[in-house]
Amino acid sequence: MKRHSGVRRAQLLIDLAKRTVGSKQAASAYKLHLEHLLAEYDLASSQLQTIEDEVKTVLEQIPYAGKILDIKGVSVIALAGVLGESGDLAAIPMETH
């Protein structure tokens, strides 16, 4: 996960705020609040990446998961959701049974 777009957006907001009418005394408080929001964003992004990595690790243990992930448009998270709801797809009877 990258935070570059968030940083650019924050810089744009800061630049716009410098040219608007408003409280000049509260600028440091706004800056601190913005820094806290960016820190929360970084934490959430890091946690999401950790979860996605763990999901990938679990899916690697499922023999047929790689074949399903080869299907265009199927993401790791989508497959994990489907398998979480449906259970083991290998247990579903096929036409050849």
N, C-alpha and C. Protein backbone atom coordinates (compact mmCIF):
# COMPACT_ATOMS: atom_id res chain seq x y z
N MET A 1 0.83 -1.17 0.00
CA MET A 1 0.00 0.00 0.00
C MET A 1 0.88 1.24 0.00
N LYS A 2 0.50 2.21 -0.78
CA LYS A 2 1.27 3.44 -0.86
C LYS A 2 0.46 4.59 -0.29
N ARG A 3 1.15 5.53 0.29
CA ARG A 3 0.46 6.66 0.86
C ARG A 3 0.69 7.91 0.04
N HIS A 4 1.36 7.79 -1.08
CA HIS A 4 1.74 8.96 -1.85
C HIS A 4 0.54 9.83 -2.22
N SER A 5 -0.56 9.23 -2.63
CA SER A 5 -1.71 10.03 -3.01
C SER A 5 -2.28 10.75 -1.81
N GLY A 6 -2.23 10.15 -0.64
CA GLY A 6 -2.69 10.82 0.57
C GLY A 6 -1.82 12.00 0.94
N VAL A 7 -0.52 11.86 0.74
CA VAL A 7 0.40 12.95 1.03
C VAL A 7 0.15 14.10 0.07
N ARG A 8 -0.02 13.80 -1.21
CA ARG A 8 -0.30 14.85 -2.19
C ARG A 8 -1.60 15.56 -1.87
N ARG A 9 -2.59 14.80 -1.49
CA ARG A 9 -3.88 15.40 -1.14
C ARG A 9 -3.75 16.28 0.10
N ALA A 10 -3.00 15.82 1.07
CA ALA A 10 -2.79 16.61 2.28
C ALA A 10 -2.05 17.90 1.94
N GLN A 11 -1.04 17.82 1.09
CA GLN A 11 -0.29 19.02 0.71
C GLN A 11 -1.20 19.99 -0.04
N LEU A 12 -2.06 19.47 -0.89
CA LEU A 12 -3.01 20.32 -1.60
C LEU A 12 -3.93 21.03 -0.62
N LEU A 13 -4.43 20.30 0.37
CA LEU A 13 -5.30 20.91 1.38
C LEU A 13 -4.56 21.98 2.16
N ILE A 14 -3.32 21.72 2.50
CA ILE A 14 -2.52 22.71 3.24
C ILE A 14 -2.32 23.96 2.38
N ASP A 15 -1.99 23.77 1.11
CA ASP A 15 -1.79 24.91 0.21
C ASP A 15 -3.07 25.72 0.04
N LEU A 16 -4.19 25.03 -0.11
CA LEU A 16 -5.47 25.73 -0.22
C LEU A 16 -5.82 26.47 1.06
N ALA A 17 -5.54 25.86 2.19
CA ALA A 17 -5.85 26.48 3.47
C ALA A 17 -5.05 27.75 3.70
N LYS A 18 -3.86 27.83 3.15
CA LYS A 18 -3.03 29.03 3.31
C LYS A 18 -3.65 30.23 2.60
N ARG A 19 -4.47 29.96 1.58
CA ARG A 19 -5.05 31.05 0.80
C ARG A 19 -6.51 31.32 1.14
N THR A 20 -7.06 30.66 2.12
CA THR A 20 -8.46 30.84 2.45
C THR A 20 -8.61 31.71 3.69
N VAL A 21 -9.81 32.21 3.86
CA VAL A 21 -10.11 33.01 5.05
C VAL A 21 -10.38 32.04 6.19
N GLY A 22 -9.82 32.32 7.33
CA GLY A 22 -10.04 31.44 8.46
C GLY A 22 -9.09 31.76 9.59
N SER A 23 -9.12 30.96 10.57
CA SER A 23 -8.31 31.17 11.76
C SER A 23 -6.86 30.82 11.48
N LYS A 24 -6.00 31.81 11.56
CA LYS A 24 -4.56 31.57 11.38
C LYS A 24 -3.96 30.95 12.64
N GLN A 25 -4.59 31.21 13.78
CA GLN A 25 -4.06 30.70 15.04
C GLN A 25 -4.22 29.19 15.16
N ALA A 26 -5.19 28.64 14.48
CA ALA A 26 -5.47 27.21 14.62
C ALA A 26 -4.67 26.36 13.64
N ALA A 27 -3.79 26.98 12.88
CA ALA A 27 -3.05 26.24 11.85
C ALA A 27 -2.25 25.09 12.44
N SER A 28 -1.61 25.31 13.57
CA SER A 28 -0.81 24.23 14.16
C SER A 28 -1.71 23.08 14.63
N ALA A 29 -2.89 23.40 15.12
CA ALA A 29 -3.82 22.35 15.55
C ALA A 29 -4.31 21.56 14.34
N TYR A 30 -4.60 22.26 13.25
CA TYR A 30 -5.03 21.58 12.02
C TYR A 30 -3.91 20.69 11.48
N LYS A 31 -2.70 21.21 11.53
CA LYS A 31 -1.56 20.44 11.04
C LYS A 31 -1.37 19.18 11.88
N LEU A 32 -1.48 19.32 13.20
CA LEU A 32 -1.35 18.16 14.09
C LEU A 32 -2.45 17.14 13.81
N HIS A 33 -3.67 17.63 13.62
CA HIS A 33 -4.78 16.73 13.33
C HIS A 33 -4.55 16.00 12.01
N LEU A 34 -4.07 16.73 11.02
CA LEU A 34 -3.78 16.11 9.73
C LEU A 34 -2.69 15.06 9.86
N GLU A 35 -1.67 15.35 10.65
CA GLU A 35 -0.60 14.37 10.89
C GLU A 35 -1.16 13.11 11.55
N HIS A 36 -2.08 13.29 12.49
CA HIS A 36 -2.70 12.14 13.15
C HIS A 36 -3.53 11.32 12.16
N LEU A 37 -4.26 12.01 11.30
CA LEU A 37 -5.04 11.30 10.29
C LEU A 37 -4.15 10.51 9.34
N LEU A 38 -3.03 11.10 8.94
CA LEU A 38 -2.09 10.39 8.06
C LEU A 38 -1.48 9.19 8.77
N ALA A 39 -1.20 9.34 10.06
CA ALA A 39 -0.65 8.21 10.83
C ALA A 39 -1.68 7.08 10.92
N GLU A 40 -2.95 7.44 11.12
CA GLU A 40 -4.01 6.43 11.16
C GLU A 40 -4.14 5.73 9.81
N TYR A 41 -4.03 6.50 8.74
CA TYR A 41 -4.10 5.93 7.39
C TYR A 41 -2.95 4.95 7.17
N ASP A 42 -1.74 5.36 7.58
CA ASP A 42 -0.58 4.48 7.44
C ASP A 42 -0.77 3.19 8.23
N LEU A 43 -1.29 3.31 9.45
CA LEU A 43 -1.53 2.13 10.29
C LEU A 43 -2.56 1.21 9.63
N ALA A 44 -3.66 1.78 9.16
CA ALA A 44 -4.70 0.96 8.52
C ALA A 44 -4.16 0.28 7.27
N SER A 45 -3.37 1.00 6.49
CA SER A 45 -2.78 0.42 5.28
C SER A 45 -1.84 -0.73 5.63
N SER A 46 -1.05 -0.54 6.66
CA SER A 46 -0.12 -1.58 7.10
C SER A 46 -0.87 -2.81 7.59
N GLN A 47 -1.92 -2.58 8.37
CA GLN A 47 -2.72 -3.70 8.87
C GLN A 47 -3.40 -4.45 7.73
N LEU A 48 -3.90 -3.71 6.75
CA LEU A 48 -4.54 -4.34 5.59
C LEU A 48 -3.54 -5.18 4.82
N GLN A 49 -2.33 -4.68 4.63
CA GLN A 49 -1.31 -5.43 3.92
C GLN A 49 -0.95 -6.70 4.68
N THR A 50 -0.87 -6.62 6.01
CA THR A 50 -0.57 -7.79 6.83
C THR A 50 -1.67 -8.85 6.68
N ILE A 51 -2.91 -8.41 6.69
CA ILE A 51 -4.03 -9.34 6.53
C ILE A 51 -4.01 -9.98 5.15
N GLU A 52 -3.77 -9.17 4.12
CA GLU A 52 -3.72 -9.71 2.76
C GLU A 52 -2.59 -10.73 2.61
N ASP A 53 -1.45 -10.45 3.23
CA ASP A 53 -0.33 -11.40 3.18
C ASP A 53 -0.69 -12.71 3.88
N GLU A 54 -1.38 -12.61 5.00
CA GLU A 54 -1.80 -13.81 5.74
C GLU A 54 -2.81 -14.62 4.93
N VAL A 55 -3.74 -13.93 4.28
CA VAL A 55 -4.73 -14.61 3.44
C VAL A 55 -4.03 -15.34 2.30
N LYS A 56 -3.05 -14.69 1.67
CA LYS A 56 -2.30 -15.34 0.59
C LYS A 56 -1.61 -16.60 1.09
N THR A 57 -1.03 -16.52 2.29
CA THR A 57 -0.35 -17.68 2.87
C THR A 57 -1.32 -18.84 3.08
N VAL A 58 -2.49 -18.53 3.58
CA VAL A 58 -3.49 -19.58 3.81
C VAL A 58 -3.97 -20.16 2.48
N LEU A 59 -4.20 -19.30 1.49
CA LEU A 59 -4.67 -19.79 0.19
C LEU A 59 -3.63 -20.66 -0.50
N GLU A 60 -2.37 -20.43 -0.25
CA GLU A 60 -1.31 -21.26 -0.84
C GLU A 60 -1.40 -22.70 -0.36
N GLN A 61 -2.06 -22.94 0.76
CA GLN A 61 -2.20 -24.28 1.30
C GLN A 61 -3.39 -25.03 0.68
N ILE A 62 -4.20 -24.34 -0.09
CA ILE A 62 -5.36 -24.95 -0.74
C ILE A 62 -4.96 -25.31 -2.16
N PRO A 63 -5.00 -26.60 -2.51
CA PRO A 63 -4.46 -27.05 -3.80
C PRO A 63 -5.07 -26.37 -5.03
N TYR A 64 -6.35 -26.14 -5.05
CA TYR A 64 -7.01 -25.61 -6.23
C TYR A 64 -7.08 -24.08 -6.25
N ALA A 65 -6.63 -23.42 -5.19
CA ALA A 65 -6.75 -21.96 -5.11
C ALA A 65 -5.95 -21.26 -6.21
N GLY A 66 -4.78 -21.78 -6.53
CA GLY A 66 -3.97 -21.17 -7.57
C GLY A 66 -4.66 -21.16 -8.92
N LYS A 67 -5.38 -22.24 -9.22
CA LYS A 67 -6.10 -22.32 -10.50
C LYS A 67 -7.22 -21.30 -10.56
N ILE A 68 -7.89 -21.12 -9.43
CA ILE A 68 -8.98 -20.14 -9.39
C ILE A 68 -8.42 -18.72 -9.49
N LEU A 69 -7.29 -18.48 -8.85
CA LEU A 69 -6.68 -17.15 -8.90
C LEU A 69 -6.16 -16.81 -10.30
N ASP A 70 -5.95 -17.82 -11.13
CA ASP A 70 -5.53 -17.58 -12.52
C ASP A 70 -6.65 -16.99 -13.36
N ILE A 71 -7.88 -17.09 -12.88
CA ILE A 71 -9.02 -16.53 -13.60
C ILE A 71 -8.95 -15.01 -13.50
N LYS A 72 -9.02 -14.35 -14.63
CA LYS A 72 -8.93 -12.89 -14.67
C LYS A 72 -10.05 -12.27 -13.84
N GLY A 73 -9.69 -11.35 -12.96
CA GLY A 73 -10.67 -10.64 -12.15
C GLY A 73 -10.90 -11.23 -10.77
N VAL A 74 -10.37 -12.41 -10.50
CA VAL A 74 -10.53 -13.03 -9.18
C VAL A 74 -9.34 -12.61 -8.33
N SER A 75 -9.62 -11.89 -7.26
CA SER A 75 -8.55 -11.45 -6.37
C SER A 75 -8.41 -12.40 -5.19
N VAL A 76 -7.33 -12.24 -4.48
CA VAL A 76 -7.07 -13.06 -3.30
C VAL A 76 -8.19 -12.88 -2.28
N ILE A 77 -8.57 -11.63 -2.05
CA ILE A 77 -9.60 -11.35 -1.05
C ILE A 77 -10.96 -11.90 -1.50
N ALA A 78 -11.27 -11.78 -2.79
CA ALA A 78 -12.54 -12.31 -3.30
C ALA A 78 -12.60 -13.82 -3.14
N LEU A 79 -11.51 -14.49 -3.50
CA LEU A 79 -11.47 -15.95 -3.37
C LEU A 79 -11.58 -16.37 -1.90
N ALA A 80 -10.90 -15.66 -1.03
CA ALA A 80 -10.98 -15.98 0.40
C ALA A 80 -12.41 -15.82 0.90
N GLY A 81 -13.10 -14.79 0.42
CA GLY A 81 -14.50 -14.59 0.82
C GLY A 81 -15.40 -15.72 0.33
N VAL A 82 -15.20 -16.12 -0.92
CA VAL A 82 -16.01 -17.21 -1.49
C VAL A 82 -15.76 -18.51 -0.73
N LEU A 83 -14.49 -18.82 -0.51
CA LEU A 83 -14.17 -20.07 0.21
C LEU A 83 -14.62 -20.00 1.66
N GLY A 84 -14.56 -18.82 2.25
CA GLY A 84 -15.02 -18.66 3.62
C GLY A 84 -16.52 -18.92 3.75
N GLU A 85 -17.27 -18.52 2.74
CA GLU A 85 -18.72 -18.71 2.77
C GLU A 85 -19.14 -20.11 2.32
N SER A 86 -18.44 -20.66 1.33
CA SER A 86 -18.87 -21.93 0.75
C SER A 86 -18.18 -23.14 1.35
N GLY A 87 -17.00 -22.95 1.91
CA GLY A 87 -16.25 -24.08 2.42
C GLY A 87 -15.40 -24.71 1.33
N ASP A 88 -15.02 -25.94 1.54
CA ASP A 88 -14.14 -26.66 0.62
C ASP A 88 -14.87 -26.98 -0.68
N LEU A 89 -14.42 -26.36 -1.77
CA LEU A 89 -15.05 -26.60 -3.07
C LEU A 89 -14.78 -28.00 -3.59
N ALA A 90 -13.73 -28.64 -3.10
CA ALA A 90 -13.42 -30.01 -3.54
C ALA A 90 -14.49 -30.99 -3.07
N ALA A 91 -15.26 -30.63 -2.06
CA ALA A 91 -16.30 -31.51 -1.54
C ALA A 91 -17.58 -31.45 -2.37
N ILE A 92 -17.66 -30.49 -3.29
CA ILE A 92 -18.86 -30.37 -4.13
C ILE A 92 -18.80 -31.43 -5.23
N PRO A 93 -19.88 -32.20 -5.39
CA PRO A 93 -19.87 -33.24 -6.42
C PRO A 93 -19.76 -32.64 -7.82
N MET A 94 -19.04 -33.35 -8.68
CA MET A 94 -18.89 -32.91 -10.07
C MET A 94 -19.72 -33.82 -10.97
N GLU A 95 -19.82 -33.44 -12.23
CA GLU A 95 -20.59 -34.24 -13.18
C GLU A 95 -20.00 -35.63 -13.33
N THR A 96 -18.70 -35.78 -13.16
CA THR A 96 -18.05 -37.07 -13.36
C THR A 96 -18.30 -38.03 -12.21
N HIS A 97 -18.87 -37.57 -11.12
CA HIS A 97 -19.12 -38.47 -9.99
C HIS A 97 -20.37 -39.28 -10.18
